[in-house]
Amino acid sequence: MADSGVTARLAGYALSDGARLPAPILAQAARAFVNHVGCTVGAAREPACVLALAQADLFSGARCATAFGQQVRLDAPHAALVNGLQSSIQTFDDTHLASVVHPTGPIAAAAFALLEHEPARAVSGTEFLATLCLGIEIACRVGAALTAPGSGLHLGVFTTGLAGAIGAAAACGRLLRLDTQRVAWAIGIAAVQTGGLRVSHASMSGGLLAGLAARTGLSAALLAASGFDCGADPLEGRNGLLDVFAPGARAADMAADLHERFEMAELAYKPYPCGIVIHPAIDACLALAPLLRGESIERVELRVNPLALQLTGTRHPRHSMDCKVSLFHWAAGALLRERAGLAEQTEDAVADPAIAALRDRIHAEAQADLARDEARVSIHLASGRVLEHHIAHARGSRSRPMTDEELDAKFAQLAAPVLGDAAAANLLAACRSLPGLGPEGLLRVAELARIDGRTP
């Protein structure tokens, strides 16, 4: 493999000095980790996670790694799978806005499982954040190249499955202290296994992709550590990742301006547990909802970015998994309930006759001149009045990011029902203290995320 190859340059980047990372980017990684842990613990009782945990428990080997929010411990690959799934299943995970990759779940799940698997390799909280940062950045760069205009990527490819595994392999390679060649092999071993189809949306398998990416990345790094190799230039080469999935993509962009430009600056954290392209419409509906009390809605007109309808255009979801990617469901729920939270993604919400009736009166139009974080809503009332609202930038977007206080409140909302209020607060405090933790303190985070049989 030539040193000038894109894969080799990304492998070298994964091993670079964490001290070169700007403070704002490390702070972004810290926020990403807080969001990840909250999402992972909070989803522990989801039916998909219960089923996956049962299978993992049945086949697990050495029980060295924590399944967050659960009582059991698993071997590292199964822990990575379960934690990756849990991070994603409620559709509350972070998003790289340009590519719609959800990077932190696969990377953090794989990296933490590896540290518990080999505690002798435990690192400080600061080094863990640097590792997380570099893995996320690589995943986001791969995702950005795959989804750039003219890349040729089919809309049906779920990019988290591709980019997430590659970022996880790079992060784990760093923790294993591999050399550049072996990290490149790890990236390649992950790349040849990657996949992800959006047909998995609206099903348990949608969240599973993050778990598979975590397990794939971890296993790829461990194989590479043993000397298991891969073909040259697996990302940019002939019959490599871009050549197969996105033949029009510019491979050089993945390694351009390393240490100078950071894709992970585009990470967004969700205030609502549904597809991020729905969020501008939710904001617009929530802004008008208080004005509708006592009024009869004749029809609702939504104007959204085309991607919102392409990815979330289901009018009547069949079940709770389906509703997470239904623009119509979330708009109706926000207007009628004046909120958009976990209660709106339940079977009861899907079956709510009032929400179902309003879904039929919503008309959505794609407008190419609207940004992905922008939406307009017009509500026609039976009285003849028309209410209108424009959202220029949705909550959680780069222009209106969630504050640390909002992320902490989200963490408590997710973790407290599983761990209890006090334990959730202790876990949050540990996550927030990550930069000052030593190796033992870092591993203690996993212990705090594990339940001990008590009732919250």
Protein backbone atom coordinates (compact mmCIF):
# COMPACT_ATOMS: atom_id res chain seq x y z
CA MET A 1 0.00 0.00 0.00
CA ALA A 2 1.45 3.37 -1.02
CA ASP A 3 1.90 5.88 1.76
CA SER A 4 -0.02 8.43 -0.30
CA GLY A 5 -3.14 6.25 -0.42
CA VAL A 6 -6.30 7.58 1.17
CA THR A 7 -6.80 4.55 3.42
CA ALA A 8 -3.20 4.77 4.63
CA ARG A 9 -3.58 8.48 5.37
CA LEU A 10 -6.74 7.88 7.37
CA ALA A 11 -5.01 5.06 9.25
CA GLY A 12 -2.16 7.39 10.13
CA TYR A 13 -4.66 10.02 11.19
CA ALA A 14 -6.29 7.54 13.57
CA LEU A 15 -2.93 7.20 15.33
CA SER A 16 -2.14 10.92 15.47
CA ASP A 17 -1.37 12.83 18.66
CA GLY A 18 -4.58 13.67 20.49
CA ALA A 19 -2.98 16.90 21.68
CA ARG A 20 -3.38 18.23 18.13
CA LEU A 21 -7.16 18.12 18.41
CA PRO A 22 -8.72 21.54 19.04
CA ALA A 23 -10.51 22.02 22.35
CA PRO A 24 -13.92 22.64 20.70
CA ILE A 25 -13.66 19.33 18.83
CA LEU A 26 -12.78 17.43 21.99
CA ALA A 27 -15.72 19.16 23.67
CA GLN A 28 -17.91 17.92 20.81
CA ALA A 29 -16.70 14.38 21.46
CA ALA A 30 -17.55 14.77 25.15
CA ARG A 31 -21.08 15.89 24.27
CA ALA A 32 -21.40 13.00 21.84
CA PHE A 33 -20.43 10.54 24.56
CA VAL A 34 -22.98 11.93 27.03
CA ASN A 35 -25.68 11.64 24.40
CA HIS A 36 -24.56 8.12 23.50
CA VAL A 37 -24.59 6.80 27.05
CA GLY A 38 -28.03 8.29 27.73
CA CYS A 39 -29.46 6.75 24.57
CA THR A 40 -27.83 3.38 25.22
CA VAL A 41 -29.05 3.06 28.81
CA GLY A 42 -32.47 4.48 28.01
CA ALA A 43 -33.24 1.87 25.36
CA ALA A 44 -32.40 -1.15 27.53
CA ARG A 45 -36.04 -2.26 27.82
CA GLU A 46 -36.98 -1.80 24.18
CA PRO A 47 -38.36 -5.08 22.76
CA ALA A 48 -35.66 -5.23 20.08
CA CYS A 49 -32.96 -4.89 22.74
CA VAL A 50 -34.51 -7.54 24.96
CA LEU A 51 -34.52 -9.97 22.03
CA ALA A 52 -30.97 -9.16 20.97
CA LEU A 53 -29.68 -9.41 24.54
CA ALA A 54 -31.22 -12.87 24.93
CA GLN A 55 -29.38 -14.10 21.84
CA ALA A 56 -26.14 -12.45 22.90
CA ASP A 57 -26.43 -13.92 26.39
CA LEU A 58 -26.98 -17.38 24.93
CA PHE A 59 -23.84 -17.35 22.78
CA SER A 60 -21.55 -15.06 24.76
CA GLY A 61 -18.02 -16.14 25.56
CA ALA A 62 -15.87 -14.52 28.24
CA ARG A 63 -18.17 -12.12 30.10
CA CYS A 64 -15.90 -9.12 30.37
CA ALA A 65 -17.93 -6.24 28.96
CA THR A 66 -20.98 -4.32 30.15
CA ALA A 67 -24.32 -4.26 28.41
CA PHE A 68 -25.40 -0.75 29.39
CA GLY A 69 -28.64 -0.61 31.35
CA GLN A 70 -28.67 -4.40 31.74
CA GLN A 71 -27.72 -6.85 34.50
CA VAL A 72 -25.65 -9.24 32.41
CA ARG A 73 -22.13 -8.92 31.12
CA LEU A 74 -21.15 -10.21 27.69
CA ASP A 75 -18.05 -10.89 25.67
CA ALA A 76 -16.73 -7.82 23.87
CA PRO A 77 -18.18 -8.44 20.38
CA HIS A 78 -21.66 -9.15 21.76
CA ALA A 79 -21.47 -6.14 24.10
CA ALA A 80 -20.53 -3.95 21.14
CA LEU A 81 -23.50 -5.34 19.20
CA VAL A 82 -26.02 -4.85 22.01
CA ASN A 83 -24.79 -1.40 23.02
CA GLY A 84 -24.68 -0.25 19.42
CA LEU A 85 -28.25 -1.43 18.91
CA GLN A 86 -29.42 0.25 22.10
CA SER A 87 -27.78 3.52 21.10
CA SER A 88 -29.83 3.66 17.92
CA ILE A 89 -33.14 1.85 18.40
CA GLN A 90 -35.10 4.81 19.80
CA THR A 91 -33.90 7.07 16.96
CA PHE A 92 -32.43 9.49 19.50
CA ASP A 93 -28.76 9.12 18.44
CA ASP A 94 -26.55 11.86 17.02
CA THR A 95 -26.38 12.71 13.33
CA HIS A 96 -23.71 14.02 10.99
CA LEU A 97 -25.88 16.49 9.13
CA ALA A 98 -24.18 16.34 5.73
CA SER A 99 -24.32 12.55 5.37
CA VAL A 100 -27.04 11.53 7.87
CA VAL A 101 -24.53 9.09 9.39
CA HIS A 102 -25.12 8.32 13.07
CA PRO A 103 -21.48 7.82 14.07
CA THR A 104 -21.03 7.82 17.82
CA GLY A 105 -23.09 4.72 18.62
CA PRO A 106 -21.00 2.21 16.65
CA ILE A 107 -17.68 3.82 17.58
CA ALA A 108 -18.27 4.32 21.30
CA ALA A 109 -19.87 0.89 21.70
CA ALA A 110 -16.93 -0.84 20.03
CA ALA A 111 -14.26 1.18 21.82
CA PHE A 112 -15.71 0.74 25.29
CA ALA A 113 -16.22 -2.99 24.81
CA LEU A 114 -12.59 -3.30 23.74
CA LEU A 115 -11.35 -1.46 26.83
CA GLU A 116 -13.31 -3.78 29.09
CA HIS A 117 -12.04 -6.77 27.11
CA GLU A 118 -8.44 -5.70 27.63
CA PRO A 119 -8.37 -3.57 30.81
CA ALA A 120 -4.58 -3.50 30.68
CA ARG A 121 -5.01 -1.22 27.67
CA ALA A 122 -7.30 1.14 29.56
CA VAL A 123 -6.61 4.78 28.81
CA SER A 124 -7.39 8.08 30.47
CA GLY A 125 -10.64 9.86 29.81
CA THR A 126 -8.80 12.43 27.71
CA GLU A 127 -7.22 9.75 25.52
CA PHE A 128 -10.57 8.00 25.17
CA LEU A 129 -12.15 11.26 23.99
CA ALA A 130 -9.33 11.71 21.46
CA THR A 131 -9.91 8.16 20.21
CA LEU A 132 -13.64 8.75 19.98
CA CYS A 133 -13.01 12.02 18.19
CA LEU A 134 -10.71 10.52 15.57
CA GLY A 135 -13.01 7.56 14.95
CA ILE A 136 -16.04 9.82 14.55
CA GLU A 137 -14.13 12.15 12.24
CA ILE A 138 -13.09 9.26 9.99
CA ALA A 139 -16.65 7.91 9.90
CA CYS A 140 -18.03 11.35 9.04
CA ARG A 141 -15.45 11.86 6.29
CA VAL A 142 -16.30 8.50 4.75
CA GLY A 143 -20.00 9.32 5.03
CA ALA A 144 -19.52 12.75 3.47
CA ALA A 145 -17.67 11.25 0.51
CA LEU A 146 -20.31 8.57 0.02
CA THR A 147 -23.19 11.06 0.01
CA ALA A 148 -21.62 14.04 -1.78
CA PRO A 149 -23.56 15.34 -4.81
CA GLY A 150 -22.74 13.23 -7.85
CA SER A 151 -21.38 10.31 -5.82
CA GLY A 152 -23.89 7.89 -7.30
CA LEU A 153 -24.83 6.42 -3.93
CA HIS A 154 -28.32 4.93 -3.96
CA LEU A 155 -30.67 6.59 -1.48
CA GLY A 156 -31.50 3.13 -0.13
CA VAL A 157 -28.01 2.67 1.33
CA PHE A 158 -28.00 3.31 5.09
CA THR A 159 -24.64 5.03 5.47
CA THR A 160 -24.27 4.36 9.20
CA GLY A 161 -23.68 0.71 8.38
CA LEU A 162 -20.80 1.61 6.07
CA ALA A 163 -19.10 4.57 7.72
CA GLY A 164 -19.79 3.51 11.31
CA ALA A 165 -17.93 0.22 11.00
CA ILE A 166 -14.91 1.94 9.44
CA GLY A 167 -14.77 4.57 12.17
CA ALA A 168 -15.10 1.87 14.83
CA ALA A 169 -12.25 -0.15 13.29
CA ALA A 170 -10.00 2.91 13.25
CA ALA A 171 -10.81 3.80 16.86
CA CYS A 172 -10.22 0.25 18.08
CA GLY A 173 -6.98 0.08 16.11
CA ARG A 174 -5.79 3.15 17.98
CA LEU A 175 -6.71 1.66 21.36
CA LEU A 176 -4.85 -1.53 20.43
CA ARG A 177 -1.82 0.61 19.54
CA LEU A 178 -1.52 -0.94 16.11
CA ASP A 179 0.85 0.45 13.52
CA THR A 180 -0.40 2.29 10.44
CA GLN A 181 -0.40 -0.82 8.26
CA ARG A 182 -2.52 -2.81 10.69
CA VAL A 183 -4.99 0.06 11.19
CA ALA A 184 -5.32 0.21 7.41
CA TRP A 185 -5.99 -3.53 7.41
CA ALA A 186 -8.60 -3.04 10.14
CA ILE A 187 -10.31 -0.36 8.05
CA GLY A 188 -10.26 -2.69 5.07
CA ILE A 189 -11.53 -5.72 6.99
CA ALA A 190 -14.40 -3.57 8.23
CA ALA A 191 -15.04 -2.14 4.77
CA VAL A 192 -15.42 -5.53 3.12
CA GLN A 193 -18.14 -6.44 5.63
CA THR A 194 -20.07 -3.18 5.62
CA GLY A 195 -23.63 -2.77 4.48
CA GLY A 196 -26.91 -1.20 5.34
CA LEU A 197 -30.24 -0.93 3.57
CA ARG A 198 -32.92 1.63 4.36
CA VAL A 199 -35.50 -1.12 3.97
CA SER A 200 -34.52 -1.74 7.59
CA HIS A 201 -36.11 1.58 8.54
CA ALA A 202 -39.34 1.18 10.49
CA SER A 203 -38.16 -2.15 11.90
CA MET A 204 -35.92 -3.50 14.64
CA SER A 205 -33.21 -3.98 12.04
CA GLY A 206 -32.83 -0.24 11.60
CA GLY A 207 -31.21 0.01 15.02
CA LEU A 208 -29.38 -3.27 14.52
CA LEU A 209 -27.18 -1.69 11.86
CA ALA A 210 -25.39 0.43 14.46
CA GLY A 211 -24.78 -2.70 16.54
CA LEU A 212 -23.48 -4.65 13.57
CA ALA A 213 -21.19 -1.76 12.67
CA ALA A 214 -19.80 -1.72 16.22
CA ARG A 215 -19.18 -5.46 16.27
CA THR A 216 -17.68 -5.39 12.77
CA GLY A 217 -15.27 -2.58 13.63
CA LEU A 218 -14.13 -4.23 16.86
CA SER A 219 -13.64 -7.64 15.25
CA ALA A 220 -11.81 -6.08 12.29
CA ALA A 221 -9.29 -4.39 14.60
CA LEU A 222 -8.70 -7.58 16.58
CA LEU A 223 -8.14 -9.54 13.37
CA ALA A 224 -5.73 -6.92 12.05
CA ALA A 225 -3.84 -7.01 15.34
CA SER A 226 -3.19 -10.71 14.77
CA GLY A 227 -1.69 -10.05 11.33
CA PHE A 228 -4.84 -10.73 9.30
CA ASP A 229 -4.56 -8.51 6.23
CA CYS A 230 -6.77 -6.97 3.56
CA GLY A 231 -6.36 -5.89 -0.04
CA ALA A 232 -4.66 -2.60 -0.83
CA ASP A 233 -6.62 0.66 -0.86
CA PRO A 234 -9.92 -0.82 0.39
CA LEU A 235 -11.69 2.53 0.49
CA GLU A 236 -10.45 4.19 -2.70
CA GLY A 237 -9.17 1.32 -4.83
CA ARG A 238 -10.71 -0.64 -7.68
CA ASN A 239 -13.65 -2.67 -6.35
CA GLY A 240 -13.24 -0.91 -3.02
CA LEU A 241 -15.89 0.84 -0.94
CA LEU A 242 -16.35 3.96 -3.06
CA ASP A 243 -15.94 2.16 -6.38
CA VAL A 244 -18.77 -0.22 -5.49
CA PHE A 245 -21.17 1.99 -3.52
CA ALA A 246 -20.48 5.49 -4.84
CA PRO A 247 -18.45 5.38 -8.06
CA GLY A 248 -18.75 9.13 -8.59
CA ALA A 249 -17.33 10.00 -5.18
CA ARG A 250 -14.03 11.83 -4.78
CA ALA A 251 -11.86 9.57 -2.64
CA ALA A 252 -9.31 12.29 -1.98
CA ASP A 253 -11.91 14.30 -0.06
CA MET A 254 -11.85 11.71 2.73
CA ALA A 255 -8.29 12.65 3.63
CA ALA A 256 -8.26 16.32 2.64
CA ASP A 257 -7.28 18.95 5.22
CA LEU A 258 -6.79 16.49 8.06
CA HIS A 259 -6.23 18.33 11.37
CA GLU A 260 -7.53 21.53 9.75
CA ARG A 261 -11.16 20.85 8.87
CA PHE A 262 -13.45 18.76 11.06
CA GLU A 263 -16.58 17.08 9.73
CA MET A 264 -17.61 16.21 13.27
CA ALA A 265 -18.28 19.89 13.87
CA GLU A 266 -21.48 19.08 11.95
CA LEU A 267 -22.71 16.61 14.58
CA ALA A 268 -26.25 17.31 15.76
CA TYR A 269 -28.06 15.95 18.81
CA LYS A 270 -31.75 15.20 18.59
CA PRO A 271 -34.34 16.86 20.80
CA TYR A 272 -36.98 14.53 19.34
CA PRO A 273 -36.77 10.70 19.01
CA CYS A 274 -37.41 10.37 15.29
CA GLY A 275 -35.71 10.88 11.95
CA ILE A 276 -33.81 14.16 12.03
CA VAL A 277 -35.31 15.33 8.74
CA ILE A 278 -38.69 15.50 10.54
CA HIS A 279 -37.46 17.92 13.22
CA PRO A 280 -38.05 21.23 11.39
CA ALA A 281 -41.70 20.30 10.82
CA ILE A 282 -42.06 19.32 14.48
CA ASP A 283 -40.67 22.68 15.57
CA ALA A 284 -43.10 24.51 13.31
CA CYS A 285 -46.06 22.48 14.57
CA LEU A 286 -45.08 22.91 18.22
CA ALA A 287 -44.86 26.67 17.72
CA LEU A 288 -48.48 26.79 16.54
CA ALA A 289 -49.96 24.04 18.73
CA PRO A 290 -50.88 26.31 21.70
CA LEU A 291 -52.94 28.47 19.34
CA LEU A 292 -55.11 25.51 18.33
CA ARG A 293 -56.80 24.84 21.66
CA GLY A 294 -60.54 24.77 21.09
CA GLU A 295 -60.09 25.08 17.32
CA SER A 296 -61.04 22.59 14.61
CA ILE A 297 -58.31 21.85 12.06
CA GLU A 298 -59.51 21.58 8.47
CA ARG A 299 -56.14 20.82 6.88
CA VAL A 300 -52.42 21.23 7.45
CA GLU A 301 -49.92 22.09 4.74
CA LEU A 302 -46.26 21.22 5.30
CA ARG A 303 -43.43 22.39 3.09
CA VAL A 304 -40.20 20.52 3.71
CA ASN A 305 -36.86 19.66 2.18
CA PRO A 306 -37.24 16.83 -0.37
CA LEU A 307 -35.21 14.44 1.78
CA ALA A 308 -37.88 14.59 4.49
CA LEU A 309 -40.47 13.03 2.20
CA GLN A 310 -38.00 10.65 0.59
CA LEU A 311 -36.97 9.17 3.94
CA THR A 312 -40.03 9.70 6.15
CA GLY A 313 -43.02 9.91 3.83
CA THR A 314 -45.12 7.20 5.49
CA ARG A 315 -48.55 8.65 6.20
CA HIS A 316 -50.00 5.95 8.46
CA PRO A 317 -47.36 3.99 10.41
CA ARG A 318 -48.21 0.39 11.17
CA HIS A 319 -46.53 0.23 14.57
CA SER A 320 -44.17 2.02 16.93
CA MET A 321 -41.04 1.24 14.90
CA ASP A 322 -42.70 2.54 11.75
CA CYS A 323 -43.76 5.83 13.30
CA LYS A 324 -40.16 6.87 13.99
CA VAL A 325 -39.81 7.62 10.29
CA SER A 326 -43.25 9.13 9.64
CA LEU A 327 -43.34 12.88 9.02
CA PHE A 328 -47.15 12.83 9.13
CA HIS A 329 -47.33 11.07 12.49
CA TRP A 330 -44.97 13.46 14.26
CA ALA A 331 -46.59 16.56 12.80
CA ALA A 332 -50.03 15.37 13.92
CA GLY A 333 -48.81 14.36 17.37
CA ALA A 334 -47.05 17.68 17.91
CA LEU A 335 -50.14 19.66 16.94
CA LEU A 336 -52.53 17.65 19.12
CA ARG A 337 -50.33 16.86 22.14
CA GLU A 338 -48.07 19.92 22.12
CA ARG A 339 -45.04 17.71 22.61
CA ALA A 340 -42.82 15.30 20.67
CA GLY A 341 -41.19 12.78 22.96
CA LEU A 342 -40.90 9.09 23.67
CA ALA A 343 -44.63 8.88 24.42
CA GLU A 344 -45.32 9.83 20.81
CA GLN A 345 -43.44 6.80 19.46
CA THR A 346 -45.49 4.21 21.35
CA GLU A 347 -48.11 1.81 20.04
CA ASP A 348 -50.74 3.87 21.87
CA ALA A 349 -49.72 6.99 19.98
CA VAL A 350 -49.76 5.17 16.64
CA ALA A 351 -53.28 3.89 17.37
CA ASP A 352 -54.56 7.22 18.76
CA PRO A 353 -57.68 7.91 16.65
CA ALA A 354 -57.25 11.68 16.88
CA ILE A 355 -53.66 11.51 15.63
CA ALA A 356 -54.65 9.07 12.87
CA ALA A 357 -57.49 11.34 11.72
CA LEU A 358 -55.23 14.39 11.59
CA ARG A 359 -52.57 12.49 9.63
CA ASP A 360 -55.14 12.22 6.83
CA ARG A 361 -55.59 15.99 6.79
CA ILE A 362 -51.90 16.77 6.44
CA HIS A 363 -50.56 17.59 2.99
CA ALA A 364 -46.78 17.64 2.59
CA GLU A 365 -44.91 19.21 -0.31
CA ALA A 366 -41.21 18.90 -1.07
CA GLN A 367 -39.48 22.17 -1.86
CA ALA A 368 -35.91 22.05 -3.14
CA ASP A 369 -35.22 25.61 -1.97
CA LEU A 370 -35.76 24.63 1.67
CA ALA A 371 -32.69 23.53 3.64
CA ARG A 372 -32.71 20.22 5.49
CA ASP A 373 -33.24 22.01 8.81
CA GLU A 374 -35.99 24.27 7.47
CA ALA A 375 -39.78 23.90 7.20
CA ARG A 376 -42.96 25.89 6.73
CA VAL A 377 -46.42 25.00 8.03
CA SER A 378 -49.84 26.46 7.27
CA ILE A 379 -52.86 25.37 9.30
CA HIS A 380 -56.31 26.02 7.89
CA LEU A 381 -58.97 26.15 10.61
CA ALA A 382 -62.68 25.49 10.24
CA SER A 383 -63.26 29.09 11.33
CA GLY A 384 -61.52 30.30 8.18
CA ARG A 385 -58.37 31.46 9.94
CA VAL A 386 -54.97 30.38 8.63
CA LEU A 387 -52.00 30.04 10.98
CA GLU A 388 -48.50 29.98 9.52
CA HIS A 389 -45.01 29.44 10.86
CA HIS A 390 -41.55 29.21 9.35
CA ILE A 391 -38.61 27.41 10.94
CA ALA A 392 -35.34 28.61 9.44
CA HIS A 393 -33.21 26.27 11.56
CA ALA A 394 -34.53 23.35 13.60
CA ARG A 395 -33.66 22.77 17.24
CA GLY A 396 -30.56 20.64 17.46
CA SER A 397 -29.17 21.88 14.15
CA ARG A 398 -25.78 23.54 13.89
CA SER A 399 -27.41 26.97 14.02
CA ARG A 400 -29.52 26.04 17.06
CA PRO A 401 -27.58 23.31 18.87
CA MET A 402 -28.86 21.68 22.02
CA THR A 403 -27.23 23.20 25.09
CA ASP A 404 -25.36 21.14 27.66
CA GLU A 405 -28.28 21.67 30.01
CA GLU A 406 -30.69 20.31 27.41
CA LEU A 407 -28.45 17.29 26.81
CA ASP A 408 -28.30 16.65 30.55
CA ALA A 409 -32.10 16.81 30.77
CA LYS A 410 -32.36 14.39 27.85
CA PHE A 411 -29.89 12.06 29.58
CA ALA A 412 -31.97 12.06 32.77
CA GLN A 413 -35.18 11.49 30.81
CA LEU A 414 -33.64 8.41 29.22
CA ALA A 415 -31.51 6.92 31.99
CA ALA A 416 -33.54 7.56 35.15
CA PRO A 417 -36.41 5.15 34.31
CA VAL A 418 -33.83 2.37 33.88
CA LEU A 419 -31.28 3.13 36.61
CA GLY A 420 -33.22 5.29 39.04
CA ASP A 421 -32.75 9.01 39.60
CA ALA A 422 -29.69 8.85 41.85
CA ALA A 423 -27.82 6.26 39.78
CA ALA A 424 -28.59 8.15 36.57
CA ALA A 425 -27.26 11.35 38.12
CA ASN A 426 -24.06 9.57 39.20
CA LEU A 427 -23.58 8.17 35.71
CA LEU A 428 -24.10 11.58 34.12
CA ALA A 429 -21.59 13.12 36.52
CA ALA A 430 -19.02 10.48 35.55
CA CYS A 431 -19.62 11.07 31.85
CA ARG A 432 -19.29 14.82 32.32
CA SER A 433 -16.04 14.26 34.25
CA LEU A 434 -14.48 12.17 31.48
CA PRO A 435 -11.60 14.55 30.65
CA GLY A 436 -10.32 14.31 34.23
CA LEU A 437 -10.69 10.55 34.69
CA GLY A 438 -7.82 8.10 34.82
CA PRO A 439 -8.03 4.57 33.37
CA GLU A 440 -9.83 3.15 36.41
CA GLY A 441 -12.29 6.02 36.45
CA LEU A 442 -13.05 5.50 32.78
CA LEU A 443 -13.87 1.83 33.30
CA ARG A 444 -15.99 2.85 36.28
CA VAL A 445 -18.39 4.51 33.82
CA ALA A 446 -19.39 1.07 32.57
CA GLU A 447 -20.03 -0.15 36.10
CA LEU A 448 -22.29 2.84 36.76
CA ALA A 449 -24.20 2.05 33.56
CA ARG A 450 -24.98 -1.51 34.68
CA ILE A 451 -28.03 -2.26 36.82
CA ASP A 452 -27.65 -4.46 39.88
CA GLY A 453 -31.14 -5.85 40.16
CA ARG A 454 -32.60 -2.99 42.16
CA THR A 455 -35.91 -1.46 41.13
CA PRO A 456 -35.47 2.14 39.93
